[in-house]
Amino acid sequence: MVASGSNSGIVDGMRHRRYYIQTLSTSGRVVPSTGGDLVVAAKEQTGDLDWELIHRSSERYVIKQEPYDLEMAGPEGSFSGPAILVRSDGRSHVFRGVGKLEGFTTADFA
């Protein structure tokens, strides 16, 4: 189990890492942002990588539920990858990664 507030660890056989994201672009459109969390996880047995972004906009921002190329940046680096918008209420947006997350390697779990 990982300690509260930690950015990485192992929970139930899943290695994970959390990054604070300050800026987000969806297929070239800059989202007015207050920030969010990029969560990257991998099963210890297989190493299969999953990632998701939970991001909050600073104003109401309508995003259609469709695929996007995300570009994300925060204090720990820049990341990019294809994702699908899973849900949005106009302020809080949840994207699920559907391909390679550029800017991340499994060495980042260490």
N, C-alpha and C. Protein backbone atom coordinates (compact mmCIF):
# COMPACT_ATOMS: atom_id res chain seq x y z
N MET A 1 0.85 -1.18 0.00
CA MET A 1 0.00 0.00 0.00
C MET A 1 0.89 1.23 0.00
N VAL A 2 0.47 2.26 -0.69
CA VAL A 2 1.24 3.49 -0.80
C VAL A 2 0.77 4.49 0.23
N ALA A 3 1.67 5.29 0.76
CA ALA A 3 1.30 6.29 1.75
C ALA A 3 0.50 7.41 1.10
N SER A 4 -0.42 7.99 1.83
CA SER A 4 -1.22 9.09 1.33
C SER A 4 -0.32 10.25 0.91
N GLY A 5 -0.61 10.82 -0.26
CA GLY A 5 0.18 11.96 -0.73
C GLY A 5 1.37 11.56 -1.57
N SER A 6 1.66 10.28 -1.67
CA SER A 6 2.79 9.82 -2.47
C SER A 6 2.44 9.86 -3.96
N ASN A 7 3.45 10.06 -4.82
CA ASN A 7 3.23 10.11 -6.26
C ASN A 7 3.37 8.77 -6.95
N SER A 8 3.90 7.75 -6.25
CA SER A 8 4.05 6.45 -6.87
C SER A 8 3.99 5.36 -5.82
N GLY A 9 3.79 4.12 -6.28
CA GLY A 9 3.74 3.01 -5.36
C GLY A 9 3.15 1.78 -6.01
N ILE A 10 2.80 0.80 -5.17
CA ILE A 10 2.18 -0.44 -5.62
C ILE A 10 0.95 -0.68 -4.76
N VAL A 11 -0.19 -0.88 -5.43
CA VAL A 11 -1.44 -1.19 -4.75
C VAL A 11 -2.09 -2.35 -5.48
N ASP A 12 -2.41 -3.43 -4.74
CA ASP A 12 -3.09 -4.60 -5.31
C ASP A 12 -2.44 -5.10 -6.59
N GLY A 13 -1.12 -5.20 -6.61
CA GLY A 13 -0.41 -5.72 -7.77
C GLY A 13 -0.31 -4.76 -8.94
N MET A 14 -0.65 -3.50 -8.71
CA MET A 14 -0.57 -2.48 -9.76
C MET A 14 0.46 -1.43 -9.35
N ARG A 15 1.46 -1.19 -10.20
CA ARG A 15 2.37 -0.07 -9.98
C ARG A 15 1.68 1.16 -10.53
N HIS A 16 1.84 2.27 -9.85
CA HIS A 16 1.19 3.48 -10.34
C HIS A 16 2.04 4.72 -10.08
N ARG A 17 1.74 5.76 -10.85
CA ARG A 17 2.43 7.03 -10.70
C ARG A 17 1.43 8.14 -11.03
N ARG A 18 1.44 9.19 -10.25
CA ARG A 18 0.54 10.33 -10.43
C ARG A 18 1.36 11.58 -10.72
N TYR A 19 0.92 12.35 -11.71
CA TYR A 19 1.57 13.60 -12.08
C TYR A 19 0.54 14.73 -12.02
N TYR A 20 0.94 15.86 -11.48
CA TYR A 20 0.09 17.04 -11.52
C TYR A 20 0.24 17.69 -12.89
N ILE A 21 -0.88 17.95 -13.55
CA ILE A 21 -0.88 18.55 -14.88
C ILE A 21 -1.45 19.96 -14.78
N GLN A 22 -0.67 20.93 -15.26
CA GLN A 22 -1.09 22.33 -15.21
C GLN A 22 -1.77 22.80 -16.49
N THR A 23 -1.27 22.33 -17.65
CA THR A 23 -1.82 22.77 -18.92
C THR A 23 -2.24 21.57 -19.77
N LEU A 24 -3.30 21.77 -20.54
CA LEU A 24 -3.85 20.71 -21.38
C LEU A 24 -4.29 21.29 -22.71
N SER A 25 -3.94 20.59 -23.78
CA SER A 25 -4.46 20.88 -25.12
C SER A 25 -5.13 19.62 -25.64
N THR A 26 -6.32 19.78 -26.24
CA THR A 26 -7.04 18.67 -26.83
C THR A 26 -7.05 18.86 -28.34
N SER A 27 -6.27 18.04 -29.03
CA SER A 27 -6.14 18.13 -30.50
C SER A 27 -5.86 19.57 -30.94
N GLY A 28 -4.94 20.22 -30.23
CA GLY A 28 -4.50 21.56 -30.58
C GLY A 28 -5.27 22.70 -29.92
N ARG A 29 -6.38 22.41 -29.26
CA ARG A 29 -7.16 23.46 -28.58
C ARG A 29 -6.75 23.53 -27.11
N VAL A 30 -6.32 24.70 -26.67
CA VAL A 30 -5.90 24.89 -25.28
C VAL A 30 -7.14 24.94 -24.40
N VAL A 31 -7.14 24.14 -23.34
CA VAL A 31 -8.24 24.11 -22.38
C VAL A 31 -7.91 25.08 -21.25
N PRO A 32 -8.82 26.03 -20.93
CA PRO A 32 -8.57 26.90 -19.78
C PRO A 32 -8.55 26.04 -18.52
N SER A 33 -7.45 26.05 -17.78
CA SER A 33 -7.23 25.02 -16.76
C SER A 33 -7.00 25.54 -15.36
N THR A 34 -7.48 24.76 -14.39
CA THR A 34 -7.06 24.93 -13.01
C THR A 34 -6.13 23.79 -12.62
N GLY A 35 -6.06 22.75 -13.45
CA GLY A 35 -5.14 21.64 -13.21
C GLY A 35 -5.82 20.31 -13.14
N GLY A 36 -5.01 19.28 -12.99
CA GLY A 36 -5.55 17.93 -12.91
C GLY A 36 -4.48 16.91 -12.61
N ASP A 37 -4.89 15.65 -12.66
CA ASP A 37 -3.99 14.55 -12.36
C ASP A 37 -3.93 13.57 -13.51
N LEU A 38 -2.71 13.25 -13.92
CA LEU A 38 -2.45 12.18 -14.86
C LEU A 38 -2.05 10.97 -14.02
N VAL A 39 -2.78 9.87 -14.16
CA VAL A 39 -2.49 8.66 -13.40
C VAL A 39 -2.08 7.57 -14.40
N VAL A 40 -0.89 7.00 -14.17
CA VAL A 40 -0.36 5.94 -15.02
C VAL A 40 -0.24 4.69 -14.15
N ALA A 41 -0.72 3.55 -14.67
CA ALA A 41 -0.68 2.31 -13.90
C ALA A 41 -0.27 1.15 -14.79
N ALA A 42 0.37 0.15 -14.18
CA ALA A 42 0.76 -1.06 -14.90
C ALA A 42 0.63 -2.25 -13.97
N LYS A 43 0.13 -3.36 -14.51
CA LYS A 43 0.07 -4.60 -13.75
C LYS A 43 1.48 -5.12 -13.58
N GLU A 44 1.81 -5.52 -12.37
CA GLU A 44 3.18 -6.01 -12.11
C GLU A 44 3.49 -7.26 -12.93
N GLN A 45 2.50 -8.15 -13.10
CA GLN A 45 2.74 -9.41 -13.81
C GLN A 45 2.99 -9.21 -15.30
N THR A 46 2.26 -8.29 -15.93
CA THR A 46 2.34 -8.16 -17.39
C THR A 46 3.03 -6.89 -17.86
N GLY A 47 3.02 -5.86 -17.05
CA GLY A 47 3.60 -4.58 -17.44
C GLY A 47 2.69 -3.76 -18.35
N ASP A 48 1.48 -4.28 -18.64
CA ASP A 48 0.54 -3.54 -19.48
C ASP A 48 0.26 -2.18 -18.86
N LEU A 49 0.36 -1.13 -19.67
CA LEU A 49 0.24 0.24 -19.19
C LEU A 49 -1.15 0.81 -19.48
N ASP A 50 -1.74 1.44 -18.47
CA ASP A 50 -3.00 2.17 -18.59
C ASP A 50 -2.76 3.58 -18.09
N TRP A 51 -3.46 4.55 -18.68
CA TRP A 51 -3.34 5.92 -18.18
C TRP A 51 -4.65 6.66 -18.35
N GLU A 52 -4.83 7.65 -17.48
CA GLU A 52 -6.05 8.44 -17.47
C GLU A 52 -5.74 9.84 -16.95
N LEU A 53 -6.46 10.80 -17.47
CA LEU A 53 -6.31 12.19 -17.03
C LEU A 53 -7.64 12.68 -16.49
N ILE A 54 -7.63 13.21 -15.28
CA ILE A 54 -8.78 13.88 -14.68
C ILE A 54 -8.39 15.34 -14.59
N HIS A 55 -9.06 16.20 -15.35
CA HIS A 55 -8.63 17.59 -15.47
C HIS A 55 -9.81 18.53 -15.24
N ARG A 56 -9.55 19.65 -14.60
CA ARG A 56 -10.59 20.63 -14.32
C ARG A 56 -10.31 21.92 -15.08
N SER A 57 -11.34 22.40 -15.78
CA SER A 57 -11.19 23.66 -16.51
C SER A 57 -11.56 24.82 -15.59
N SER A 58 -10.97 25.96 -15.86
CA SER A 58 -11.18 27.15 -15.02
C SER A 58 -12.49 27.85 -15.34
N GLU A 59 -13.11 27.46 -16.42
CA GLU A 59 -14.42 28.00 -16.79
C GLU A 59 -15.17 26.88 -17.51
N ARG A 60 -16.46 27.07 -17.68
CA ARG A 60 -17.23 26.04 -18.39
C ARG A 60 -16.62 25.86 -19.78
N TYR A 61 -16.30 24.61 -20.12
CA TYR A 61 -15.63 24.30 -21.38
C TYR A 61 -16.25 23.03 -21.94
N VAL A 62 -16.97 23.15 -23.03
CA VAL A 62 -17.66 22.01 -23.62
C VAL A 62 -16.69 21.22 -24.49
N ILE A 63 -16.62 19.93 -24.22
CA ILE A 63 -15.78 19.02 -25.00
C ILE A 63 -16.68 17.86 -25.43
N LYS A 64 -16.67 17.54 -26.72
CA LYS A 64 -17.47 16.43 -27.24
C LYS A 64 -16.85 15.11 -26.81
N GLN A 65 -17.69 14.11 -26.63
CA GLN A 65 -17.23 12.79 -26.23
C GLN A 65 -16.73 12.06 -27.48
N GLU A 66 -15.41 12.22 -27.74
CA GLU A 66 -14.78 11.64 -28.92
C GLU A 66 -13.28 11.53 -28.67
N PRO A 67 -12.53 10.95 -29.61
CA PRO A 67 -11.07 10.81 -29.44
C PRO A 67 -10.36 12.16 -29.59
N TYR A 68 -9.25 12.29 -28.87
CA TYR A 68 -8.41 13.50 -28.91
C TYR A 68 -6.95 13.12 -28.83
N ASP A 69 -6.09 13.98 -29.34
CA ASP A 69 -4.66 13.89 -29.10
C ASP A 69 -4.39 14.89 -27.98
N LEU A 70 -3.98 14.38 -26.81
CA LEU A 70 -3.75 15.24 -25.66
C LEU A 70 -2.28 15.65 -25.57
N GLU A 71 -2.07 16.90 -25.20
CA GLU A 71 -0.75 17.40 -24.85
C GLU A 71 -0.88 17.98 -23.45
N MET A 72 -0.08 17.46 -22.52
CA MET A 72 -0.18 17.81 -21.11
C MET A 72 1.18 18.24 -20.59
N ALA A 73 1.19 19.20 -19.67
CA ALA A 73 2.46 19.63 -19.07
C ALA A 73 2.24 19.99 -17.62
N GLY A 74 3.26 19.71 -16.83
CA GLY A 74 3.23 20.05 -15.41
C GLY A 74 4.65 20.14 -14.89
N PRO A 75 4.81 20.31 -13.58
CA PRO A 75 6.13 20.49 -12.99
C PRO A 75 7.10 19.32 -13.22
N GLU A 76 6.56 18.12 -13.45
CA GLU A 76 7.42 16.95 -13.61
C GLU A 76 7.68 16.59 -15.07
N GLY A 77 7.13 17.37 -16.00
CA GLY A 77 7.40 17.08 -17.40
C GLY A 77 6.20 17.27 -18.31
N SER A 78 6.44 16.91 -19.57
CA SER A 78 5.40 17.00 -20.60
C SER A 78 5.06 15.60 -21.09
N PHE A 79 3.79 15.41 -21.41
CA PHE A 79 3.30 14.11 -21.85
C PHE A 79 2.33 14.34 -23.01
N SER A 80 2.17 13.32 -23.85
CA SER A 80 1.20 13.41 -24.92
C SER A 80 0.75 12.00 -25.29
N GLY A 81 -0.46 11.93 -25.84
CA GLY A 81 -0.96 10.64 -26.29
C GLY A 81 -2.42 10.71 -26.68
N PRO A 82 -2.87 9.69 -27.40
CA PRO A 82 -4.27 9.64 -27.81
C PRO A 82 -5.16 9.19 -26.65
N ALA A 83 -6.34 9.82 -26.56
CA ALA A 83 -7.27 9.48 -25.48
C ALA A 83 -8.69 9.72 -25.95
N ILE A 84 -9.63 9.13 -25.24
CA ILE A 84 -11.06 9.34 -25.49
C ILE A 84 -11.64 10.04 -24.28
N LEU A 85 -12.47 11.04 -24.53
CA LEU A 85 -13.18 11.69 -23.43
C LEU A 85 -14.24 10.72 -22.93
N VAL A 86 -14.12 10.32 -21.67
CA VAL A 86 -15.05 9.37 -21.07
C VAL A 86 -16.28 10.09 -20.53
N ARG A 87 -16.03 11.21 -19.83
CA ARG A 87 -17.15 12.00 -19.31
C ARG A 87 -16.68 13.41 -19.01
N SER A 88 -17.67 14.31 -19.03
CA SER A 88 -17.40 15.72 -18.74
C SER A 88 -18.69 16.37 -18.27
N ASP A 89 -18.57 17.24 -17.27
CA ASP A 89 -19.73 18.01 -16.83
C ASP A 89 -19.56 19.49 -17.21
N GLY A 90 -18.60 19.76 -18.10
CA GLY A 90 -18.33 21.13 -18.50
C GLY A 90 -17.19 21.77 -17.72
N ARG A 91 -16.87 21.24 -16.58
CA ARG A 91 -15.76 21.73 -15.73
C ARG A 91 -14.73 20.64 -15.45
N SER A 92 -15.22 19.45 -15.14
CA SER A 92 -14.34 18.32 -14.84
C SER A 92 -14.40 17.35 -16.02
N HIS A 93 -13.21 16.97 -16.51
CA HIS A 93 -13.13 16.16 -17.73
C HIS A 93 -12.27 14.93 -17.45
N VAL A 94 -12.77 13.75 -17.86
CA VAL A 94 -12.03 12.51 -17.65
C VAL A 94 -11.71 11.90 -19.00
N PHE A 95 -10.41 11.73 -19.25
CA PHE A 95 -9.93 11.15 -20.49
C PHE A 95 -9.27 9.80 -20.19
N ARG A 96 -9.49 8.83 -21.05
CA ARG A 96 -8.88 7.50 -20.92
C ARG A 96 -7.90 7.32 -22.06
N GLY A 97 -6.65 7.02 -21.73
CA GLY A 97 -5.64 6.80 -22.75
C GLY A 97 -5.96 5.59 -23.61
N VAL A 98 -5.75 5.73 -24.93
CA VAL A 98 -6.03 4.63 -25.85
C VAL A 98 -4.80 4.31 -26.71
N GLY A 99 -3.65 4.71 -26.24
CA GLY A 99 -2.42 4.43 -26.97
C GLY A 99 -1.22 4.81 -26.12
N LYS A 100 -0.08 4.86 -26.77
CA LYS A 100 1.19 5.15 -26.07
C LYS A 100 1.18 6.54 -25.45
N LEU A 101 1.66 6.61 -24.23
CA LEU A 101 1.82 7.87 -23.51
C LEU A 101 3.27 8.34 -23.69
N GLU A 102 3.46 9.31 -24.56
CA GLU A 102 4.80 9.85 -24.80
C GLU A 102 5.24 10.67 -23.58
N GLY A 103 6.53 10.56 -23.23
CA GLY A 103 7.08 11.26 -22.09
C GLY A 103 7.12 10.42 -20.83
N PHE A 104 6.62 9.18 -20.90
CA PHE A 104 6.62 8.27 -19.75
C PHE A 104 7.31 6.97 -20.14
N THR A 105 8.14 6.46 -19.22
CA THR A 105 8.72 5.13 -19.38
C THR A 105 8.49 4.38 -18.08
N THR A 106 8.54 3.06 -18.14
CA THR A 106 8.32 2.27 -16.94
C THR A 106 9.37 2.54 -15.87
N ALA A 107 10.52 3.08 -16.24
CA ALA A 107 11.54 3.47 -15.26
C ALA A 107 11.02 4.57 -14.33
N ASP A 108 9.99 5.30 -14.79
CA ASP A 108 9.41 6.37 -13.96
C ASP A 108 8.65 5.82 -12.75
N PHE A 109 8.36 4.52 -12.72
CA PHE A 109 7.71 3.93 -11.56
C PHE A 109 8.66 3.82 -10.37
N ALA A 110 9.97 3.81 -10.63
CA ALA A 110 10.96 3.61 -9.57
C ALA A 110 10.99 4.77 -8.59
